[in-house]
Amino acid sequence: MSIEPRAQATNEALFERARQVIPGGVNSPVRAFRAVGGTPRFIASAQGAYMTDAEGRRYIDYIGSWGPMILGHGHPAVVEAVQKAVLEGFSYGAPTEREIELAEEILKLVPTMDQVRLVSSGTEAAMSALRLARGATGRPKIVKFEGCYHGHADSLLVKAGSGLATFGHPTSAGVPPEVVQHTLVLEYNHIGQLEEAFARDGAQIACVVIEPIAGNMNFVRASVPFMKRLRELCSQYGALLVFDEVMTGFRVGLGSAQGIYAKALPGFEPDISVFGKVIGGGMPLAAFGARRAIMEQLAPLGPVYQAGTLSGNPVATACGLATLKEIQKPGFFESLSARTRTLLDGLLGAARDAGVPMVGDCEGGMFGFFFTKAGEGLPQNYPTVMATDKERFNQFFHGLLDQGVYLAPAMYEAGFVSAAHTAQDIDDTVAAARNVLR
């Protein structure tokens, strides 16, 4: 009996089929291309720095699964580790030696933590970190910043209120106002709001959670003076500083974002750190950690409960461990950082030559850019990000997509370079950008 080859489906046909059985046709909203318009590309395979869609079209990939694929897709050492782990078993619901090894590797690289707890997603890690902060301090209120994303836990789906340093209100249906009544939303990089919030509510604030380099309003970094004052206020009022490094962890440097701030501010360290993406190497895995006294508040030692059937999954930990070992090789981050800088400088140069105002920034293997008005600098917070040129970004996105370059399909998302991107990939991307900007 001969088997008929499956007919090649178009992206449009797959999207229509998906919309019948999946809300919006996607399992995470940004994938639907609503922000930029058009039809999402359904990916059939990926290798190295490239993704291939259902129609056989190949793209240079600057999403990298939204950050985890720091080595590129299908790195041989990672594939070998995962294949070996799969043969040993998918999941046990019991402890394994490999989860100890992964925890030890993370702690070796992040000296601000004595212990970590492994979970399955960044949302779960951030949610658990905030519960831990509240349990450890006995306080109800949390502070977050507009434009920072910490997963879709109810208390974090909040936007800023109408006045300065006011409590927020839900940004999602299904989140009752009383659930977010203890969430205070401030403006990123605004020291005055920070001081006002602590002066008013400091005794009730359990923690401040922040993306040290925000990747969900594109690429916006916290200024050193802002971070210094934030650390001072948390220490002064007894609140815990929670660093959400789901995106930046082992992506902007081997010491993560907190290592960058420690160089600028000697002795600096957060109280609780949240990691994801790179530590799983593309598998569902995340973690949160802190000094021993805080982590011992967690069950089974303490009163703060957290559990997960798939936490420390043996296949995911194999993938993450292999990834972390590769990124520690000599010169890895120097090479990755140089490649990312070459890309960003090329894009900014192409825009300048075309007379199109553009600004950008990068760190390690993470970058971002904005279309602005002439003379404007880098956006420092959510309102200034919102004032950049969305329509011009959408045109740029589609122009590059047509030339085989895949950026994030929304101007509010950072981009990612991997070790698999070659100098030729960067040159091809910049050449494509020149064509589009022209």
Protein backbone atom coordinates (compact mmCIF):
# COMPACT_ATOMS: atom_id res chain seq x y z
CA MET A 1 0.00 0.00 0.00
CA SER A 2 1.39 3.40 -0.92
CA ILE A 3 0.84 6.39 1.35
CA GLU A 4 -0.23 9.60 -0.35
CA PRO A 5 1.96 12.56 0.66
CA ARG A 6 0.12 15.15 2.72
CA ALA A 7 -0.86 18.20 0.67
CA GLN A 8 1.03 21.34 1.68
CA ALA A 9 -1.27 23.67 3.59
CA THR A 10 -1.05 27.46 3.27
CA ASN A 11 -0.67 29.74 6.26
CA GLU A 12 -4.10 31.18 5.47
CA ALA A 13 -5.75 27.76 5.39
CA LEU A 14 -4.12 26.72 8.64
CA PHE A 15 -5.16 29.97 10.31
CA GLU A 16 -8.76 29.51 9.23
CA ARG A 17 -8.72 25.92 10.46
CA ALA A 18 -7.14 26.97 13.77
CA ARG A 19 -9.78 29.62 14.38
CA GLN A 20 -12.45 26.94 14.39
CA VAL A 21 -10.94 25.08 17.33
CA ILE A 22 -8.63 27.56 19.14
CA PRO A 23 -9.74 31.04 20.34
CA GLY A 24 -8.37 33.53 17.81
CA GLY A 25 -6.54 30.67 16.15
CA VAL A 26 -3.58 30.90 18.54
CA ASN A 27 -2.54 29.70 21.99
CA SER A 28 -0.88 32.98 22.97
CA PRO A 29 -2.42 36.28 21.79
CA VAL A 30 0.56 38.06 20.18
CA ARG A 31 0.98 35.19 17.70
CA ALA A 32 -2.27 36.18 15.98
CA PHE A 33 -0.62 39.19 14.23
CA ARG A 34 -3.46 41.43 15.47
CA ALA A 35 -0.98 44.22 16.28
CA VAL A 36 0.57 44.25 12.80
CA GLY A 37 -2.21 42.83 10.65
CA GLY A 38 -1.99 40.00 8.17
CA THR A 39 -1.79 36.24 8.52
CA PRO A 40 0.43 34.52 11.09
CA ARG A 41 3.10 32.20 9.80
CA PHE A 42 2.57 28.61 10.90
CA ILE A 43 6.01 27.16 11.57
CA ALA A 44 6.79 23.67 10.34
CA SER A 45 10.40 23.42 11.50
CA ALA A 46 13.39 25.37 12.76
CA GLN A 47 17.15 24.85 12.65
CA GLY A 48 19.96 27.13 13.75
CA ALA A 49 18.98 30.76 13.13
CA TYR A 50 16.11 29.90 10.79
CA MET A 51 12.44 28.96 10.90
CA THR A 52 10.53 27.45 7.97
CA ASP A 53 6.78 27.95 7.64
CA ALA A 54 4.09 25.62 6.36
CA GLU A 55 4.55 26.94 2.82
CA GLY A 56 8.27 26.16 2.82
CA ARG A 57 9.38 29.79 3.24
CA ARG A 58 12.52 30.24 5.37
CA TYR A 59 13.03 33.19 7.73
CA ILE A 60 15.96 34.53 9.73
CA ASP A 61 14.49 34.23 13.23
CA TYR A 62 14.81 37.10 15.72
CA ILE A 63 12.10 35.81 18.07
CA GLY A 64 13.92 32.68 19.23
CA SER A 65 10.74 31.37 20.90
CA TRP A 66 10.62 34.76 22.72
CA GLY A 67 14.09 34.33 24.17
CA PRO A 68 14.92 30.73 25.12
CA MET A 69 16.75 29.72 21.93
CA ILE A 70 19.99 31.48 22.80
CA LEU A 71 21.97 28.71 21.05
CA GLY A 72 19.66 28.68 18.05
CA HIS A 73 17.26 25.89 17.15
CA GLY A 74 18.35 22.27 17.37
CA HIS A 75 21.78 22.71 18.91
CA PRO A 76 23.45 19.26 18.73
CA ALA A 77 24.48 19.09 22.41
CA VAL A 78 20.98 20.06 23.55
CA VAL A 79 19.26 17.65 21.17
CA GLU A 80 21.48 14.82 22.37
CA ALA A 81 20.72 15.59 26.04
CA VAL A 82 16.98 15.71 25.39
CA GLN A 83 16.94 12.50 23.35
CA LYS A 84 18.80 10.67 26.12
CA ALA A 85 16.40 12.02 28.75
CA VAL A 86 13.33 11.02 26.72
CA LEU A 87 14.53 7.44 26.58
CA GLU A 88 14.82 7.42 30.38
CA GLY A 89 11.25 8.64 30.91
CA PHE A 90 9.01 11.67 30.29
CA SER A 91 7.90 12.44 33.85
CA TYR A 92 8.05 10.78 37.25
CA GLY A 93 6.36 13.05 39.79
CA ALA A 94 9.34 12.28 42.01
CA PRO A 95 12.75 13.87 42.64
CA THR A 96 15.65 13.37 40.21
CA GLU A 97 19.37 14.05 40.39
CA ARG A 98 19.19 16.23 37.29
CA GLU A 99 16.98 18.83 38.96
CA ILE A 100 19.62 19.14 41.70
CA GLU A 101 22.29 19.62 39.01
CA LEU A 102 20.26 22.33 37.29
CA ALA A 103 19.61 24.13 40.59
CA GLU A 104 23.33 23.96 41.42
CA GLU A 105 24.23 25.36 37.99
CA ILE A 106 21.81 28.29 38.35
CA LEU A 107 23.02 29.09 41.88
CA LYS A 108 26.65 28.98 40.75
CA LEU A 109 25.93 31.68 38.19
CA VAL A 110 23.61 33.82 40.36
CA PRO A 111 25.27 34.34 43.77
CA THR A 112 22.35 36.38 45.17
CA MET A 113 20.38 33.15 45.76
CA ASP A 114 21.01 30.24 48.12
CA GLN A 115 18.14 28.07 46.90
CA VAL A 116 15.75 27.84 43.94
CA ARG A 117 12.42 26.16 43.34
CA LEU A 118 11.82 24.85 39.80
CA VAL A 119 8.40 25.33 38.14
CA SER A 120 7.01 25.05 34.62
CA SER A 121 6.42 28.63 33.40
CA GLY A 122 7.43 32.22 33.97
CA THR A 123 3.87 33.07 35.02
CA GLU A 124 3.99 30.36 37.67
CA ALA A 125 7.42 31.48 38.91
CA ALA A 126 6.41 35.16 39.22
CA MET A 127 3.09 34.32 40.88
CA SER A 128 4.88 32.06 43.39
CA ALA A 129 7.59 34.66 44.07
CA LEU A 130 4.96 37.26 44.99
CA ARG A 131 3.15 34.80 47.27
CA LEU A 132 6.49 34.04 48.91
CA ALA A 133 7.20 37.76 49.40
CA ARG A 134 3.82 38.30 51.00
CA GLY A 135 4.24 35.24 53.20
CA ALA A 136 7.76 36.22 54.27
CA THR A 137 6.83 39.83 55.13
CA GLY A 138 3.25 39.36 56.33
CA ARG A 139 2.24 42.35 54.17
CA PRO A 140 -0.48 42.58 51.48
CA LYS A 141 0.59 45.18 48.92
CA ILE A 142 2.79 44.75 45.86
CA VAL A 143 4.24 47.38 43.53
CA LYS A 144 4.68 46.84 39.81
CA PHE A 145 5.47 49.15 36.89
CA GLU A 146 3.31 49.97 33.90
CA GLY A 147 4.65 48.26 30.80
CA CYS A 148 6.33 45.41 32.70
CA TYR A 149 4.81 41.97 32.20
CA HIS A 150 5.13 39.29 34.85
CA GLY A 151 2.77 36.66 33.50
CA HIS A 152 -1.00 36.43 33.59
CA ALA A 153 -1.69 35.87 37.30
CA ASP A 154 -4.79 37.81 38.33
CA SER A 155 -3.08 40.30 40.65
CA LEU A 156 -0.57 41.25 37.93
CA LEU A 157 -3.02 41.98 35.11
CA VAL A 158 -3.27 45.61 36.10
CA LYS A 159 -2.81 48.95 34.41
CA ALA A 160 -2.02 52.26 36.05
CA GLY A 161 -4.78 54.27 37.64
CA SER A 162 -5.70 57.73 36.49
CA GLY A 163 -3.68 59.68 39.03
CA LEU A 164 -0.06 59.75 40.12
CA ALA A 165 0.90 56.57 42.01
CA THR A 166 -2.67 55.31 42.28
CA PHE A 167 -3.83 51.75 42.62
CA GLY A 168 -4.54 50.06 39.35
CA HIS A 169 -7.59 48.44 37.83
CA PRO A 170 -7.89 45.16 35.94
CA THR A 171 -6.79 44.95 32.31
CA SER A 172 -8.54 41.63 31.79
CA ALA A 173 -12.14 40.54 32.09
CA GLY A 174 -12.51 37.90 34.77
CA VAL A 175 -10.29 39.74 37.26
CA PRO A 176 -12.46 41.32 40.01
CA PRO A 177 -11.35 44.79 41.16
CA GLU A 178 -10.88 43.52 44.72
CA VAL A 179 -8.23 41.07 43.47
CA VAL A 180 -5.99 43.93 42.34
CA GLN A 181 -6.79 46.32 45.17
CA HIS A 182 -3.41 45.58 46.73
CA THR A 183 -1.45 46.09 43.50
CA LEU A 184 0.09 49.53 43.11
CA VAL A 185 1.11 50.48 39.57
CA LEU A 186 3.84 53.09 39.06
CA GLU A 187 5.66 54.59 36.10
CA TYR A 188 8.92 52.90 35.13
CA ASN A 189 12.03 55.04 35.78
CA HIS A 190 10.00 57.61 37.79
CA ILE A 191 11.82 58.12 41.11
CA GLY A 192 9.31 60.68 42.41
CA GLN A 193 6.39 58.24 42.13
CA LEU A 194 8.45 55.57 43.83
CA GLU A 195 9.25 57.82 46.79
CA GLU A 196 5.64 58.93 47.07
CA ALA A 197 4.35 55.37 47.07
CA PHE A 198 6.71 54.27 49.85
CA ALA A 199 6.04 57.39 51.92
CA ARG A 200 2.33 56.63 51.79
CA ASP A 201 2.17 52.81 51.87
CA GLY A 202 5.68 51.62 52.79
CA ALA A 203 4.63 49.72 55.90
CA GLN A 204 2.16 47.67 53.86
CA ILE A 205 4.34 46.93 50.82
CA ALA A 206 5.49 43.31 50.68
CA CYS A 207 7.55 43.68 47.54
CA VAL A 208 8.34 45.59 44.40
CA VAL A 209 8.51 43.45 41.25
CA ILE A 210 10.38 44.79 38.23
CA GLU A 211 11.78 43.74 34.88
CA PRO A 212 15.27 45.29 35.20
CA ILE A 213 15.32 45.50 31.41
CA ALA A 214 11.74 45.49 30.25
CA GLY A 215 11.11 43.34 27.20
CA ASN A 216 7.36 43.73 26.91
CA MET A 217 7.33 47.41 26.04
CA ASN A 218 10.10 46.61 23.58
CA PHE A 219 13.58 47.12 25.10
CA VAL A 220 13.61 49.65 27.96
CA ARG A 221 16.18 49.44 30.75
CA ALA A 222 15.82 50.77 34.28
CA SER A 223 18.24 53.64 34.82
CA VAL A 224 20.99 53.14 37.40
CA PRO A 225 19.76 56.06 39.59
CA PHE A 226 16.23 54.61 39.53
CA MET A 227 17.46 51.12 40.46
CA LYS A 228 19.67 52.55 43.22
CA ARG A 229 16.76 54.44 44.76
CA LEU A 230 14.47 51.42 44.43
CA ARG A 231 16.95 49.25 46.34
CA GLU A 232 17.34 51.92 49.03
CA LEU A 233 13.60 52.30 49.55
CA CYS A 234 12.96 48.54 49.70
CA SER A 235 15.70 48.17 52.32
CA GLN A 236 14.51 51.19 54.29
CA TYR A 237 10.88 50.03 54.49
CA GLY A 238 11.51 46.29 54.77
CA ALA A 239 9.99 45.43 51.38
CA LEU A 240 11.50 42.73 49.18
CA LEU A 241 12.89 43.59 45.74
CA VAL A 242 11.80 40.97 43.19
CA PHE A 243 13.78 40.84 39.94
CA ASP A 244 11.78 39.30 37.11
CA GLU A 245 14.55 37.89 34.92
CA VAL A 246 12.35 35.50 32.95
CA MET A 247 13.48 37.29 29.81
CA THR A 248 16.85 38.76 30.82
CA GLY A 249 18.14 35.80 32.82
CA PHE A 250 21.28 34.37 31.12
CA ARG A 251 20.20 36.29 27.99
CA VAL A 252 21.80 39.71 28.60
CA GLY A 253 24.89 38.21 30.25
CA LEU A 254 26.10 35.20 32.19
CA GLY A 255 25.32 37.02 35.45
CA SER A 256 21.92 38.10 34.09
CA ALA A 257 20.63 41.67 34.48
CA GLN A 258 21.34 41.73 38.21
CA GLY A 259 25.01 41.18 37.40
CA ILE A 260 24.98 44.27 35.19
CA TYR A 261 23.46 46.43 37.96
CA ALA A 262 25.89 44.99 40.53
CA LYS A 263 28.78 46.32 38.43
CA ALA A 264 27.25 49.80 38.44
CA LEU A 265 26.11 49.60 42.07
CA PRO A 266 28.65 47.63 44.16
CA GLY A 267 26.89 45.33 46.62
CA PHE A 268 23.59 45.50 44.78
CA GLU A 269 21.36 42.44 44.85
CA PRO A 270 17.64 41.71 44.62
CA ASP A 271 15.89 39.75 47.39
CA ILE A 272 14.02 37.32 45.13
CA SER A 273 14.85 36.44 41.52
CA VAL A 274 12.61 34.89 38.87
CA PHE A 275 14.00 33.02 35.86
CA GLY A 276 12.59 31.26 32.80
CA LYS A 277 13.15 30.91 29.06
CA VAL A 278 16.94 30.32 28.72
CA ILE A 279 17.13 28.05 31.80
CA GLY A 280 14.73 25.68 30.02
CA GLY A 281 16.42 25.93 26.63
CA GLY A 282 13.02 25.95 24.90
CA MET A 283 11.28 23.47 27.22
CA PRO A 284 8.61 24.54 29.76
CA LEU A 285 10.77 25.37 32.78
CA ALA A 286 11.20 28.35 35.10
CA ALA A 287 12.45 29.02 38.63
CA PHE A 288 12.41 31.46 41.51
CA GLY A 289 15.01 31.77 44.23
CA ALA A 290 16.33 33.82 47.14
CA ARG A 291 18.46 33.62 50.26
CA ARG A 292 17.85 30.58 52.45
CA ALA A 293 15.85 32.39 55.14
CA ILE A 294 13.27 33.49 52.57
CA MET A 295 13.14 30.19 50.67
CA GLU A 296 12.58 28.24 53.88
CA GLN A 297 9.18 29.94 54.11
CA LEU A 298 8.09 27.58 51.31
CA ALA A 299 6.31 24.28 51.93
CA PRO A 300 7.27 21.68 53.05
CA LEU A 301 9.47 23.72 55.42
CA GLY A 302 7.25 26.78 55.86
CA PRO A 303 3.69 28.06 55.57
CA VAL A 304 3.80 29.36 51.94
CA TYR A 305 2.33 26.67 49.69
CA GLN A 306 3.47 26.00 46.13
CA ALA A 307 3.39 22.75 44.17
CA GLY A 308 3.42 21.41 40.58
CA THR A 309 3.11 17.99 39.00
CA LEU A 310 5.58 18.78 36.21
CA SER A 311 7.97 20.91 38.27
CA GLY A 312 11.56 19.79 37.64
CA ASN A 313 10.47 17.67 34.68
CA PRO A 314 13.37 15.36 33.69
CA VAL A 315 13.26 16.18 29.97
CA ALA A 316 13.02 19.94 30.58
CA THR A 317 15.87 19.91 33.09
CA ALA A 318 18.05 17.99 30.62
CA CYS A 319 17.38 20.64 27.98
CA GLY A 320 18.06 23.52 30.37
CA LEU A 321 21.20 22.00 31.85
CA ALA A 322 22.72 21.37 28.41
CA THR A 323 21.91 24.97 27.41
CA LEU A 324 23.47 26.49 30.54
CA LYS A 325 26.65 24.47 30.02
CA GLU A 326 27.01 25.72 26.43
CA ILE A 327 26.59 29.41 27.29
CA GLN A 328 29.40 29.17 29.88
CA LYS A 329 32.00 28.34 27.24
CA PRO A 330 34.79 30.96 26.92
CA GLY A 331 33.88 33.95 24.74
CA PHE A 332 30.23 32.98 24.31
CA PHE A 333 28.68 36.21 25.55
CA GLU A 334 31.39 38.42 24.09
CA SER A 335 30.60 36.98 20.66
CA LEU A 336 26.83 37.11 21.15
CA SER A 337 26.95 40.71 22.38
CA ALA A 338 29.12 41.81 19.46
CA ARG A 339 26.77 40.17 16.97
CA THR A 340 23.73 41.83 18.55
CA ARG A 341 25.44 45.22 18.56
CA THR A 342 26.38 44.81 14.89
CA LEU A 343 22.75 44.08 14.04
CA LEU A 344 21.40 47.06 15.96
CA ASP A 345 24.03 49.45 14.61
CA GLY A 346 23.24 48.21 11.11
CA LEU A 347 19.51 48.81 11.53
CA LEU A 348 20.05 52.27 13.00
CA GLY A 349 22.51 53.12 10.24
CA ALA A 350 20.08 52.00 7.54
CA ALA A 351 17.35 54.15 9.07
CA ARG A 352 19.66 57.15 9.35
CA ASP A 353 20.69 56.81 5.70
CA ALA A 354 17.03 56.65 4.69
CA GLY A 355 16.17 59.73 6.77
CA VAL A 356 13.89 57.70 9.07
CA PRO A 357 14.16 58.58 12.79
CA MET A 358 14.92 55.42 14.78
CA VAL A 359 16.49 54.77 18.18
CA GLY A 360 17.51 51.48 19.79
CA ASP A 361 19.38 49.71 22.54
CA CYS A 362 20.77 46.23 23.23
CA GLU A 363 22.43 44.09 25.87
CA GLY A 364 23.87 40.62 25.41
CA GLY A 365 21.59 38.79 22.99
CA MET A 366 18.57 41.07 23.44
CA PHE A 367 17.75 44.21 21.45
CA GLY A 368 15.00 46.67 20.64
CA PHE A 369 14.32 49.68 18.43
CA PHE A 370 11.66 52.36 18.06
CA PHE A 371 10.50 54.63 15.26
CA THR A 372 10.37 58.11 16.79
CA LYS A 373 10.14 61.75 15.87
CA ALA A 374 13.40 63.45 14.85
CA GLY A 375 15.56 64.33 17.82
CA GLU A 376 13.77 62.11 20.33
CA GLY A 377 15.83 59.82 22.55
CA LEU A 378 15.21 56.31 23.81
CA PRO A 379 11.82 55.84 25.50
CA GLN A 380 12.16 55.47 29.27
CA ASN A 381 8.69 54.27 30.24
CA TYR A 382 5.36 53.04 28.92
CA PRO A 383 3.86 56.46 27.97
CA THR A 384 6.91 57.36 25.86
CA VAL A 385 6.89 53.91 24.23
CA MET A 386 3.23 54.42 23.33
CA ALA A 387 4.14 57.74 21.66
CA THR A 388 6.43 56.03 19.12
CA ASP A 389 5.31 55.32 15.55
CA LYS A 390 3.33 52.08 15.53
CA GLU A 391 2.23 52.34 11.90
CA ARG A 392 5.77 52.75 10.65
CA PHE A 393 6.82 49.72 12.70
CA ASN A 394 4.00 47.66 11.17
CA GLN A 395 5.14 48.60 7.64
CA PHE A 396 8.73 47.75 8.55
CA PHE A 397 7.70 44.41 10.06
CA HIS A 398 5.80 43.31 6.95
CA GLY A 399 8.52 44.57 4.63
CA LEU A 400 11.13 42.50 6.43
CA LEU A 401 8.83 39.48 6.65
CA ASP A 402 8.39 39.58 2.88
CA GLN A 403 12.19 39.49 2.56
CA GLY A 404 12.58 36.54 4.90
CA VAL A 405 13.33 38.28 8.20
CA TYR A 406 11.06 37.41 11.14
CA LEU A 407 10.79 40.05 13.90
CA ALA A 408 8.31 39.95 16.76
CA PRO A 409 4.84 40.81 15.37
CA ALA A 410 4.30 43.77 17.72
CA MET A 411 6.31 46.92 18.39
CA TYR A 412 6.08 46.25 22.13
CA GLU A 413 8.31 43.16 22.05
CA ALA A 414 12.10 42.96 22.28
CA GLY A 415 14.11 40.94 19.75
CA PHE A 416 16.63 38.16 20.29
CA VAL A 417 19.86 37.15 18.60
CA SER A 418 21.27 33.63 19.00
CA ALA A 419 24.73 32.12 18.77
CA ALA A 420 23.57 30.49 15.53
CA HIS A 421 23.19 33.83 13.72
CA THR A 422 26.14 34.32 11.38
CA ALA A 423 27.75 37.52 10.16
CA GLN A 424 26.04 36.81 6.82
CA ASP A 425 22.64 36.59 8.54
CA ILE A 426 23.24 39.99 10.11
CA ASP A 427 24.39 41.47 6.79
CA ASP A 428 21.35 40.03 5.00
CA THR A 429 19.03 41.45 7.65
CA VAL A 430 20.55 44.93 7.42
CA ALA A 431 20.39 44.81 3.61
CA ALA A 432 16.72 43.84 3.81
CA ALA A 433 16.11 46.71 6.24
CA ARG A 434 17.74 49.15 3.84
CA ASN A 435 15.42 48.03 1.07
CA VAL A 436 12.35 48.42 3.26
CA LEU A 437 13.36 51.77 4.77
CA ARG A 438 14.05 53.14 1.34
